[in-house]
Amino acid sequence: MLGTEEKTMSKKKSQKQLQKNSRTVDNAQGTKLWAFNHFRSPMLTSLLNDLVNLERHGLEDKYCDKLATSLEYFTNYATEFPRGGFMTGPIYKEIDQFAKLYHQWNDIEGSTEEASKERRRSLRSLRKQRQNITNKTRRLQFELENELDQKLLADTYRAISELINLVPDMFKNLANAYGEYLKRGGFLVA
């Protein structure tokens, strides 16, 4: 028969083993996983909202390049993560596809009605791809939490911050999402 002290130690040992083998994640405000999830959801959604407002004319190349840089950092950031299983595949491919679709959206020249319609069609593809990122991210939360590199994530947010500071009136939704990120405990970027 085990004594009280032995039972307590055995119970603690079992709890530690369960925690070690658990696939629970910490997505609390201010964590790296929360920062990643904030980028893929409110930030990318806000970007899409801003692209709706920019549908008529598109973006000048210098602004497009800043946005593309942030998406490339996000893609690079995601190459760090393991596949997450046989059926999941790597998440960076989904993010890279989003970046490519964004380039296609901005490569549409002109302010004509036809160019605007083409951007609208391209925006639908971006929405679907953002949803693909979200779906895969939901399946990879454990892997993401355990592999996140704060420096690369900070670079992603830094590029967005630079874009917002460069043209604050152009990316109002993105600026609001970034402000909310900082207000809710996101790590500051210099």
N, C-alpha and C. Protein backbone atom coordinates (compact mmCIF):
# COMPACT_ATOMS: atom_id res chain seq x y z
N MET A 1 0.84 -1.17 0.00
CA MET A 1 0.00 0.00 0.00
C MET A 1 0.89 1.24 0.00
N LEU A 2 0.58 2.19 -0.88
CA LEU A 2 1.35 3.42 -0.99
C LEU A 2 0.92 4.40 0.10
N GLY A 3 1.93 5.09 0.67
CA GLY A 3 1.64 6.12 1.66
C GLY A 3 1.17 7.39 0.97
N THR A 4 0.68 8.35 1.74
CA THR A 4 0.15 9.61 1.22
C THR A 4 1.20 10.34 0.40
N GLU A 5 2.42 10.41 0.91
CA GLU A 5 3.49 11.11 0.19
C GLU A 5 3.82 10.42 -1.12
N GLU A 6 3.85 9.11 -1.12
CA GLU A 6 4.13 8.36 -2.34
C GLU A 6 3.02 8.53 -3.37
N LYS A 7 1.76 8.55 -2.88
CA LYS A 7 0.62 8.76 -3.78
C LYS A 7 0.70 10.14 -4.43
N THR A 8 1.03 11.15 -3.63
CA THR A 8 1.15 12.51 -4.14
C THR A 8 2.24 12.59 -5.20
N MET A 9 3.38 11.98 -4.91
CA MET A 9 4.49 12.00 -5.87
C MET A 9 4.12 11.24 -7.14
N SER A 10 3.44 10.12 -7.01
CA SER A 10 3.02 9.34 -8.17
C SER A 10 2.02 10.12 -9.01
N LYS A 11 1.10 10.81 -8.34
CA LYS A 11 0.09 11.62 -9.04
C LYS A 11 0.76 12.77 -9.79
N LYS A 12 1.72 13.46 -9.16
CA LYS A 12 2.43 14.56 -9.81
C LYS A 12 3.21 14.06 -11.01
N LYS A 13 3.83 12.89 -10.86
CA LYS A 13 4.60 12.31 -11.95
C LYS A 13 3.67 11.99 -13.13
N SER A 14 2.49 11.45 -12.85
CA SER A 14 1.51 11.14 -13.90
C SER A 14 1.03 12.41 -14.59
N GLN A 15 0.79 13.47 -13.81
CA GLN A 15 0.34 14.74 -14.39
C GLN A 15 1.42 15.33 -15.29
N LYS A 16 2.67 15.27 -14.86
CA LYS A 16 3.77 15.79 -15.68
C LYS A 16 3.88 15.00 -16.98
N GLN A 17 3.71 13.69 -16.90
CA GLN A 17 3.77 12.85 -18.10
C GLN A 17 2.63 13.19 -19.05
N LEU A 18 1.44 13.41 -18.50
CA LEU A 18 0.30 13.80 -19.33
C LEU A 18 0.56 15.13 -20.01
N GLN A 19 1.09 16.11 -19.25
CA GLN A 19 1.40 17.40 -19.84
C GLN A 19 2.43 17.27 -20.94
N LYS A 20 3.41 16.43 -20.72
CA LYS A 20 4.47 16.23 -21.71
C LYS A 20 3.91 15.63 -23.00
N ASN A 21 2.97 14.72 -22.88
CA ASN A 21 2.38 14.05 -24.04
C ASN A 21 1.15 14.77 -24.58
N SER A 22 0.71 15.81 -23.90
CA SER A 22 -0.50 16.53 -24.29
C SER A 22 -0.27 17.34 -25.56
N ARG A 23 -1.33 17.52 -26.31
CA ARG A 23 -1.27 18.36 -27.51
C ARG A 23 -2.03 19.66 -27.26
N THR A 24 -2.18 20.03 -26.00
CA THR A 24 -2.82 21.30 -25.70
C THR A 24 -1.85 22.42 -26.02
N VAL A 25 -2.41 23.58 -26.31
CA VAL A 25 -1.58 24.72 -26.70
C VAL A 25 -1.95 25.93 -25.85
N ASP A 26 -1.03 26.86 -25.78
CA ASP A 26 -1.25 28.12 -25.08
C ASP A 26 -1.37 29.22 -26.13
N ASN A 27 -2.60 29.65 -26.37
CA ASN A 27 -2.86 30.70 -27.34
C ASN A 27 -3.30 31.99 -26.63
N ALA A 28 -2.82 32.16 -25.40
CA ALA A 28 -3.19 33.34 -24.62
C ALA A 28 -2.63 34.60 -25.26
N GLN A 29 -3.32 35.71 -25.04
CA GLN A 29 -2.85 36.98 -25.58
C GLN A 29 -1.39 37.21 -25.20
N GLY A 30 -0.62 37.67 -26.18
CA GLY A 30 0.78 37.98 -25.95
C GLY A 30 1.74 36.84 -26.24
N THR A 31 1.23 35.61 -26.42
CA THR A 31 2.12 34.49 -26.74
C THR A 31 2.48 34.52 -28.22
N LYS A 32 3.51 33.78 -28.57
CA LYS A 32 3.93 33.71 -29.97
C LYS A 32 2.83 33.09 -30.83
N LEU A 33 2.17 32.06 -30.30
CA LEU A 33 1.10 31.41 -31.06
C LEU A 33 -0.05 32.39 -31.28
N TRP A 34 -0.40 33.16 -30.28
CA TRP A 34 -1.44 34.17 -30.43
C TRP A 34 -1.04 35.18 -31.50
N ALA A 35 0.23 35.61 -31.50
CA ALA A 35 0.71 36.59 -32.49
C ALA A 35 0.59 36.01 -33.91
N PHE A 36 0.94 34.73 -34.07
CA PHE A 36 0.80 34.09 -35.38
C PHE A 36 -0.66 34.05 -35.80
N ASN A 37 -1.52 33.60 -34.89
CA ASN A 37 -2.95 33.51 -35.20
C ASN A 37 -3.55 34.88 -35.48
N HIS A 38 -3.09 35.89 -34.78
CA HIS A 38 -3.59 37.24 -35.03
C HIS A 38 -3.20 37.70 -36.43
N PHE A 39 -2.01 37.33 -36.87
CA PHE A 39 -1.59 37.74 -38.21
C PHE A 39 -2.43 37.04 -39.27
N ARG A 40 -2.63 35.75 -39.14
CA ARG A 40 -3.35 35.02 -40.18
C ARG A 40 -4.83 35.32 -40.20
N SER A 41 -5.38 35.79 -39.09
CA SER A 41 -6.81 36.04 -39.09
C SER A 41 -7.15 37.53 -39.16
N PRO A 42 -7.10 38.29 -38.09
CA PRO A 42 -7.50 39.70 -38.23
C PRO A 42 -6.61 40.50 -39.19
N MET A 43 -5.31 40.23 -39.19
CA MET A 43 -4.42 41.02 -40.04
C MET A 43 -4.69 40.74 -41.53
N LEU A 44 -4.70 39.46 -41.92
CA LEU A 44 -4.94 39.15 -43.33
C LEU A 44 -6.35 39.53 -43.76
N THR A 45 -7.32 39.36 -42.88
CA THR A 45 -8.68 39.76 -43.20
C THR A 45 -8.76 41.27 -43.40
N SER A 46 -8.10 42.02 -42.53
CA SER A 46 -8.08 43.49 -42.67
C SER A 46 -7.38 43.90 -43.96
N LEU A 47 -6.32 43.19 -44.31
CA LEU A 47 -5.64 43.47 -45.58
C LEU A 47 -6.61 43.27 -46.74
N LEU A 48 -7.37 42.20 -46.72
CA LEU A 48 -8.35 41.96 -47.79
C LEU A 48 -9.40 43.07 -47.83
N ASN A 49 -9.82 43.55 -46.67
CA ASN A 49 -10.77 44.67 -46.64
C ASN A 49 -10.17 45.91 -47.28
N ASP A 50 -8.89 46.16 -47.00
CA ASP A 50 -8.23 47.32 -47.62
C ASP A 50 -8.09 47.13 -49.13
N LEU A 51 -7.86 45.91 -49.56
CA LEU A 51 -7.75 45.66 -51.00
C LEU A 51 -9.08 45.92 -51.70
N VAL A 52 -10.19 45.67 -51.01
CA VAL A 52 -11.50 46.02 -51.57
C VAL A 52 -11.55 47.52 -51.84
N ASN A 53 -11.06 48.30 -50.87
CA ASN A 53 -11.06 49.77 -51.03
C ASN A 53 -10.09 50.22 -52.13
N LEU A 54 -9.09 49.41 -52.42
CA LEU A 54 -8.09 49.77 -53.43
C LEU A 54 -8.38 49.12 -54.79
N GLU A 55 -9.51 48.47 -54.88
CA GLU A 55 -9.87 47.71 -56.07
C GLU A 55 -9.85 48.55 -57.35
N ARG A 56 -10.26 49.75 -57.26
CA ARG A 56 -10.39 50.59 -58.46
C ARG A 56 -9.03 50.91 -59.10
N HIS A 57 -8.03 51.19 -58.28
CA HIS A 57 -6.75 51.65 -58.83
C HIS A 57 -5.56 50.72 -58.56
N GLY A 58 -5.70 49.79 -57.63
CA GLY A 58 -4.56 48.96 -57.27
C GLY A 58 -3.60 49.73 -56.37
N LEU A 59 -2.38 49.27 -56.31
CA LEU A 59 -1.35 49.88 -55.46
C LEU A 59 -0.16 50.28 -56.29
N GLU A 60 0.48 51.37 -55.89
CA GLU A 60 1.75 51.73 -56.52
C GLU A 60 2.79 50.68 -56.13
N ASP A 61 3.75 50.47 -57.00
CA ASP A 61 4.75 49.43 -56.78
C ASP A 61 5.48 49.55 -55.47
N LYS A 62 5.82 50.77 -55.04
CA LYS A 62 6.59 50.92 -53.80
C LYS A 62 5.79 50.44 -52.59
N TYR A 63 4.47 50.60 -52.61
CA TYR A 63 3.65 50.11 -51.51
C TYR A 63 3.41 48.61 -51.64
N CYS A 64 3.23 48.19 -52.86
CA CYS A 64 3.07 46.77 -53.13
C CYS A 64 4.29 45.99 -52.64
N ASP A 65 5.48 46.55 -52.90
CA ASP A 65 6.71 45.88 -52.50
C ASP A 65 6.81 45.72 -50.98
N LYS A 66 6.39 46.75 -50.23
CA LYS A 66 6.40 46.66 -48.77
C LYS A 66 5.46 45.57 -48.28
N LEU A 67 4.28 45.52 -48.86
CA LEU A 67 3.31 44.50 -48.48
C LEU A 67 3.83 43.12 -48.86
N ALA A 68 4.39 43.01 -50.05
CA ALA A 68 4.94 41.73 -50.50
C ALA A 68 6.06 41.28 -49.57
N THR A 69 6.87 42.22 -49.08
CA THR A 69 7.95 41.88 -48.14
C THR A 69 7.38 41.25 -46.88
N SER A 70 6.33 41.83 -46.34
CA SER A 70 5.72 41.26 -45.14
C SER A 70 5.20 39.85 -45.40
N LEU A 71 4.55 39.66 -46.54
CA LEU A 71 4.03 38.33 -46.87
C LEU A 71 5.17 37.33 -47.07
N GLU A 72 6.29 37.79 -47.64
CA GLU A 72 7.44 36.91 -47.81
C GLU A 72 8.05 36.53 -46.45
N TYR A 73 8.12 37.49 -45.53
CA TYR A 73 8.59 37.17 -44.18
C TYR A 73 7.67 36.13 -43.54
N PHE A 74 6.37 36.31 -43.72
CA PHE A 74 5.40 35.38 -43.15
C PHE A 74 5.59 33.99 -43.76
N THR A 75 5.84 33.93 -45.05
CA THR A 75 6.12 32.66 -45.71
C THR A 75 7.40 32.04 -45.15
N ASN A 76 8.45 32.84 -45.06
CA ASN A 76 9.72 32.32 -44.51
C ASN A 76 9.51 31.81 -43.09
N TYR A 77 8.75 32.56 -42.33
CA TYR A 77 8.45 32.19 -40.96
C TYR A 77 7.79 30.82 -40.91
N ALA A 78 6.89 30.58 -41.81
CA ALA A 78 6.13 29.33 -41.82
C ALA A 78 6.95 28.13 -42.30
N THR A 79 8.10 28.36 -42.95
CA THR A 79 8.91 27.22 -43.39
C THR A 79 9.55 26.51 -42.21
N GLU A 80 9.52 27.13 -41.05
CA GLU A 80 10.10 26.54 -39.84
C GLU A 80 9.26 25.37 -39.31
N PHE A 81 8.00 25.31 -39.68
CA PHE A 81 7.09 24.38 -39.02
C PHE A 81 7.08 23.02 -39.70
N PRO A 82 7.03 21.97 -38.89
CA PRO A 82 6.90 20.63 -39.47
C PRO A 82 5.54 20.46 -40.12
N ARG A 83 5.43 19.42 -40.90
CA ARG A 83 4.22 19.16 -41.67
C ARG A 83 2.99 18.95 -40.79
N GLY A 84 3.16 18.34 -39.64
CA GLY A 84 2.01 18.11 -38.77
C GLY A 84 1.26 16.83 -39.08
N GLY A 85 1.82 15.97 -39.86
CA GLY A 85 1.17 14.71 -40.14
C GLY A 85 1.05 14.41 -41.62
N PHE A 86 0.65 13.21 -41.90
CA PHE A 86 0.57 12.70 -43.26
C PHE A 86 -0.35 13.52 -44.16
N MET A 87 -1.51 13.90 -43.67
CA MET A 87 -2.51 14.56 -44.50
C MET A 87 -2.41 16.09 -44.49
N THR A 88 -1.61 16.65 -43.60
CA THR A 88 -1.61 18.10 -43.43
C THR A 88 -0.71 18.82 -44.42
N GLY A 89 0.49 18.37 -44.59
CA GLY A 89 1.42 19.07 -45.47
C GLY A 89 1.92 20.35 -44.84
N PRO A 90 2.95 20.96 -45.40
CA PRO A 90 3.53 22.17 -44.81
C PRO A 90 2.64 23.39 -45.02
N ILE A 91 2.58 24.24 -44.02
CA ILE A 91 1.72 25.43 -44.08
C ILE A 91 2.33 26.52 -44.95
N TYR A 92 3.66 26.54 -45.08
CA TYR A 92 4.28 27.63 -45.83
C TYR A 92 3.79 27.67 -47.28
N LYS A 93 3.42 26.52 -47.83
CA LYS A 93 2.93 26.50 -49.21
C LYS A 93 1.62 27.27 -49.35
N GLU A 94 0.77 27.19 -48.33
CA GLU A 94 -0.49 27.94 -48.35
C GLU A 94 -0.23 29.44 -48.29
N ILE A 95 0.72 29.82 -47.43
CA ILE A 95 1.05 31.24 -47.28
C ILE A 95 1.75 31.76 -48.53
N ASP A 96 2.62 30.96 -49.09
CA ASP A 96 3.30 31.34 -50.33
C ASP A 96 2.29 31.53 -51.46
N GLN A 97 1.30 30.68 -51.52
CA GLN A 97 0.25 30.81 -52.54
C GLN A 97 -0.53 32.11 -52.33
N PHE A 98 -0.78 32.48 -51.08
CA PHE A 98 -1.45 33.75 -50.80
C PHE A 98 -0.61 34.91 -51.33
N ALA A 99 0.70 34.87 -51.09
CA ALA A 99 1.60 35.93 -51.57
C ALA A 99 1.58 36.00 -53.10
N LYS A 100 1.56 34.86 -53.76
CA LYS A 100 1.50 34.85 -55.22
C LYS A 100 0.19 35.43 -55.73
N LEU A 101 -0.90 35.07 -55.09
CA LEU A 101 -2.21 35.60 -55.49
C LEU A 101 -2.27 37.11 -55.25
N TYR A 102 -1.63 37.57 -54.18
CA TYR A 102 -1.58 39.01 -53.95
C TYR A 102 -0.84 39.71 -55.10
N HIS A 103 0.29 39.13 -55.51
CA HIS A 103 1.03 39.72 -56.64
C HIS A 103 0.16 39.77 -57.90
N GLN A 104 -0.60 38.71 -58.13
CA GLN A 104 -1.50 38.70 -59.29
C GLN A 104 -2.54 39.81 -59.18
N TRP A 105 -3.06 40.02 -57.96
CA TRP A 105 -4.03 41.09 -57.74
C TRP A 105 -3.41 42.43 -58.13
N ASN A 106 -2.19 42.67 -57.68
CA ASN A 106 -1.57 43.97 -57.92
C ASN A 106 -0.98 44.10 -59.32
N ASP A 107 -0.72 43.01 -59.99
CA ASP A 107 -0.16 43.09 -61.35
C ASP A 107 -1.20 43.52 -62.39
N ILE A 108 -2.44 43.61 -61.99
CA ILE A 108 -3.49 44.07 -62.90
C ILE A 108 -3.32 45.58 -63.07
N GLU A 109 -3.06 45.98 -64.29
CA GLU A 109 -2.77 47.40 -64.61
C GLU A 109 -4.05 48.17 -64.89
N GLY A 110 -4.05 49.44 -64.49
CA GLY A 110 -5.08 50.36 -64.92
C GLY A 110 -6.20 50.59 -63.93
N SER A 111 -7.01 51.57 -64.28
CA SER A 111 -8.15 51.98 -63.45
C SER A 111 -9.48 51.79 -64.18
N THR A 112 -9.47 51.00 -65.23
CA THR A 112 -10.70 50.79 -66.00
C THR A 112 -11.67 49.90 -65.24
N GLU A 113 -12.89 49.86 -65.70
CA GLU A 113 -13.89 48.98 -65.10
C GLU A 113 -13.47 47.52 -65.22
N GLU A 114 -12.88 47.16 -66.35
CA GLU A 114 -12.42 45.78 -66.56
C GLU A 114 -11.29 45.43 -65.58
N ALA A 115 -10.35 46.34 -65.36
CA ALA A 115 -9.27 46.11 -64.40
C ALA A 115 -9.83 45.94 -62.99
N SER A 116 -10.82 46.74 -62.66
CA SER A 116 -11.46 46.66 -61.35
C SER A 116 -12.15 45.31 -61.17
N LYS A 117 -12.84 44.86 -62.20
CA LYS A 117 -13.51 43.55 -62.14
C LYS A 117 -12.49 42.42 -62.00
N GLU A 118 -11.38 42.55 -62.70
CA GLU A 118 -10.33 41.53 -62.62
C GLU A 118 -9.74 41.49 -61.20
N ARG A 119 -9.54 42.65 -60.60
CA ARG A 119 -9.05 42.68 -59.21
C ARG A 119 -10.07 42.05 -58.27
N ARG A 120 -11.35 42.29 -58.53
CA ARG A 120 -12.40 41.70 -57.71
C ARG A 120 -12.35 40.17 -57.80
N ARG A 121 -12.16 39.64 -59.00
CA ARG A 121 -12.04 38.19 -59.18
C ARG A 121 -10.80 37.67 -58.46
N SER A 122 -9.72 38.40 -58.57
CA SER A 122 -8.49 38.01 -57.90
C SER A 122 -8.65 38.05 -56.38
N LEU A 123 -9.41 38.99 -55.89
CA LEU A 123 -9.67 39.10 -54.46
C LEU A 123 -10.42 37.88 -53.94
N ARG A 124 -11.33 37.35 -54.74
CA ARG A 124 -12.04 36.13 -54.34
C ARG A 124 -11.05 34.97 -54.14
N SER A 125 -10.06 34.88 -55.01
CA SER A 125 -9.03 33.85 -54.86
C SER A 125 -8.22 34.07 -53.58
N LEU A 126 -7.93 35.32 -53.29
CA LEU A 126 -7.20 35.63 -52.05
C LEU A 126 -8.02 35.23 -50.82
N ARG A 127 -9.31 35.47 -50.85
CA ARG A 127 -10.17 35.08 -49.73
C ARG A 127 -10.15 33.57 -49.52
N LYS A 128 -10.27 32.85 -50.60
CA LYS A 128 -10.25 31.38 -50.49
C LYS A 128 -8.91 30.91 -49.94
N GLN A 129 -7.83 31.53 -50.38
CA GLN A 129 -6.52 31.12 -49.91
C GLN A 129 -6.31 31.48 -48.44
N ARG A 130 -6.84 32.62 -48.01
CA ARG A 130 -6.76 32.97 -46.59
C ARG A 130 -7.50 31.93 -45.76
N GLN A 131 -8.62 31.46 -46.27
CA GLN A 131 -9.36 30.42 -45.57
C GLN A 131 -8.56 29.11 -45.53
N ASN A 132 -7.86 28.79 -46.60
CA ASN A 132 -7.00 27.60 -46.60
C ASN A 132 -5.92 27.71 -45.53
N ILE A 133 -5.34 28.89 -45.40
CA ILE A 133 -4.33 29.12 -44.36
C ILE A 133 -4.95 28.89 -42.98
N THR A 134 -6.12 29.44 -42.77
CA THR A 134 -6.81 29.29 -41.50
C THR A 134 -7.11 27.82 -41.21
N ASN A 135 -7.62 27.12 -42.18
CA ASN A 135 -7.95 25.70 -41.98
C ASN A 135 -6.72 24.89 -41.59
N LYS A 136 -5.63 25.12 -42.30
CA LYS A 136 -4.41 24.37 -42.00
C LYS A 136 -3.83 24.79 -40.65
N THR A 137 -3.89 26.07 -40.35
CA THR A 137 -3.37 26.57 -39.08
C THR A 137 -4.11 25.94 -37.91
N ARG A 138 -5.40 25.79 -38.04
CA ARG A 138 -6.18 25.17 -36.96
C ARG A 138 -5.71 23.75 -36.69
N ARG A 139 -5.31 23.04 -37.72
CA ARG A 139 -4.84 21.66 -37.55
C ARG A 139 -3.41 21.60 -37.02
N LEU A 140 -2.66 22.69 -37.13
CA LEU A 140 -1.24 22.68 -36.76
C LEU A 140 -0.92 23.50 -35.51
N GLN A 141 -1.89 23.80 -34.69
CA GLN A 141 -1.64 24.67 -33.53
C GLN A 141 -0.51 24.15 -32.64
N PHE A 142 -0.50 22.86 -32.36
CA PHE A 142 0.53 22.29 -31.49
C PHE A 142 1.92 22.46 -32.11
N GLU A 143 2.03 22.13 -33.39
CA GLU A 143 3.32 22.26 -34.07
C GLU A 143 3.77 23.71 -34.13
N LEU A 144 2.83 24.60 -34.40
CA LEU A 144 3.16 26.02 -34.46
C LEU A 144 3.67 26.53 -33.12
N GLU A 145 2.96 26.18 -32.07
CA GLU A 145 3.37 26.66 -30.75
C GLU A 145 4.79 26.21 -30.40
N ASN A 146 5.13 25.01 -30.79
CA ASN A 146 6.42 24.46 -30.41
C ASN A 146 7.57 24.82 -31.35
N GLU A 147 7.27 25.44 -32.47
CA GLU A 147 8.31 25.75 -33.44
C GLU A 147 8.43 27.24 -33.76
N LEU A 148 7.62 28.07 -33.16
CA LEU A 148 7.60 29.48 -33.51
C LEU A 148 8.92 30.18 -33.20
N ASP A 149 9.35 31.00 -34.11
CA ASP A 149 10.55 31.81 -33.96
C ASP A 149 10.09 33.26 -33.85
N GLN A 150 10.26 33.85 -32.68
CA GLN A 150 9.75 35.19 -32.43
C GLN A 150 10.40 36.23 -33.34
N LYS A 151 11.67 36.05 -33.69
CA LYS A 151 12.36 37.03 -34.54
C LYS A 151 11.71 37.11 -35.92
N LEU A 152 11.46 35.97 -36.55
CA LEU A 152 10.83 35.99 -37.87
C LEU A 152 9.42 36.55 -37.81
N LEU A 153 8.69 36.22 -36.76
CA LEU A 153 7.35 36.77 -36.61
C LEU A 153 7.42 38.29 -36.41
N ALA A 154 8.39 38.74 -35.62
CA ALA A 154 8.57 40.18 -35.42
C ALA A 154 8.90 40.87 -36.74
N ASP A 155 9.70 40.22 -37.59
CA ASP A 155 10.02 40.79 -38.91
C ASP A 155 8.75 40.95 -39.75
N THR A 156 7.86 40.00 -39.65
CA THR A 156 6.60 40.06 -40.38
C THR A 156 5.79 41.28 -39.93
N TYR A 157 5.65 41.43 -38.63
CA TYR A 157 4.91 42.57 -38.09
C TYR A 157 5.64 43.88 -38.36
N ARG A 158 6.96 43.86 -38.33
CA ARG A 158 7.73 45.08 -38.60
C ARG A 158 7.46 45.57 -40.02
N ALA A 159 7.44 44.66 -40.98
CA ALA A 159 7.16 45.05 -42.37
C ALA A 159 5.77 45.64 -42.51
N ILE A 160 4.80 45.09 -41.81
CA ILE A 160 3.44 45.64 -41.83
C ILE A 160 3.44 47.03 -41.19
N SER A 161 4.14 47.18 -40.09
CA SER A 161 4.23 48.47 -39.41
C SER A 161 4.84 49.54 -40.34
N GLU A 162 5.89 49.17 -41.05
CA GLU A 162 6.52 50.11 -41.99
C GLU A 162 5.55 50.53 -43.09
N LEU A 163 4.79 49.57 -43.61
CA LEU A 163 3.82 49.88 -44.64
C LEU A 163 2.74 50.83 -44.11
N ILE A 164 2.24 50.54 -42.93
CA ILE A 164 1.20 51.38 -42.33
C ILE A 164 1.74 52.80 -42.11
N ASN A 165 2.96 52.90 -41.61
CA ASN A 165 3.56 54.22 -41.37
C ASN A 165 3.82 54.97 -42.67
N LEU A 166 4.10 54.24 -43.73
CA LEU A 166 4.38 54.84 -45.02
C LEU A 166 3.11 55.45 -45.63
N VAL A 167 2.01 54.72 -45.55
CA VAL A 167 0.74 55.19 -46.13
C VAL A 167 -0.42 54.88 -45.17
N PRO A 168 -0.52 55.62 -44.07
CA PRO A 168 -1.54 55.30 -43.06
C PRO A 168 -2.97 55.41 -43.57
N ASP A 169 -3.23 56.29 -44.51
CA ASP A 169 -4.59 56.45 -45.00
C ASP A 169 -5.00 55.37 -46.00
N MET A 170 -4.05 54.67 -46.53
CA MET A 170 -4.33 53.66 -47.54
C MET A 170 -4.73 52.32 -46.92
N PHE A 171 -4.16 51.99 -45.77
CA PHE A 171 -4.39 50.70 -45.12
C PHE A 171 -5.02 50.90 -43.74
N LYS A 172 -6.19 51.49 -43.73
CA LYS A 172 -6.86 51.82 -42.46
C LYS A 172 -7.26 50.57 -41.69
N ASN A 173 -7.81 49.58 -42.37
CA ASN A 173 -8.23 48.35 -41.69
C ASN A 173 -7.02 47.61 -41.13
N LEU A 174 -5.96 47.54 -41.92
CA LEU A 174 -4.73 46.89 -41.47
C LEU A 174 -4.14 47.63 -40.28
N ALA A 175 -4.15 48.96 -40.33
CA ALA A 175 -3.65 49.77 -39.22
C ALA A 175 -4.46 49.52 -37.95
N ASN A 176 -5.77 49.40 -38.08
CA ASN A 176 -6.60 49.10 -36.92
C ASN A 176 -6.29 47.73 -36.34
N ALA A 177 -6.12 46.73 -37.20
CA ALA A 177 -5.79 45.38 -36.74
C ALA A 177 -4.43 45.35 -36.06
N TYR A 178 -3.47 46.09 -36.61
CA TYR A 178 -2.14 46.17 -36.01
C TYR A 178 -2.21 46.89 -34.66
N GLY A 179 -2.98 47.98 -34.59
CA GLY A 179 -3.16 48.69 -33.33
C GLY A 179 -3.79 47.80 -32.27
N GLU A 180 -4.77 47.01 -32.68
CA GLU A 180 -5.43 46.07 -31.76
C GLU A 180 -4.43 45.02 -31.28
N TYR A 181 -3.59 44.56 -32.18
CA TYR A 181 -2.55 43.59 -31.84
C TYR A 181 -1.65 44.15 -30.73
N LEU A 182 -1.20 45.39 -30.89
CA LEU A 182 -0.33 46.01 -29.90
C LEU A 182 -1.08 46.24 -28.58
N LYS A 183 -2.31 46.71 -28.70
CA LYS A 183 -3.13 47.00 -27.51
C LYS A 183 -3.40 45.74 -26.69
N ARG A 184 -3.55 44.61 -27.36
CA ARG A 184 -3.90 43.36 -26.69
C ARG A 184 -2.68 42.56 -26.25
N GLY A 185 -1.50 43.15 -26.36
CA GLY A 185 -0.33 42.48 -25.79
C GLY A 185 0.65 41.92 -26.80
N GLY A 186 0.49 42.27 -28.04
CA GLY A 186 1.46 41.82 -29.04
C GLY A 186 2.81 42.44 -28.76
N PHE A 187 3.86 41.68 -29.02
CA PHE A 187 5.19 42.24 -28.76
C PHE A 187 5.47 43.37 -29.71
N LEU A 188 6.09 44.40 -29.19
CA LEU A 188 6.39 45.58 -29.98
C LEU A 188 7.55 45.29 -30.93
N VAL A 189 7.49 45.93 -32.08
CA VAL A 189 8.59 45.81 -33.03
C VAL A 189 9.19 47.18 -33.21
N ALA A 190 10.51 47.19 -33.36
CA ALA A 190 11.21 48.48 -33.49
C ALA A 190 11.22 48.93 -34.93
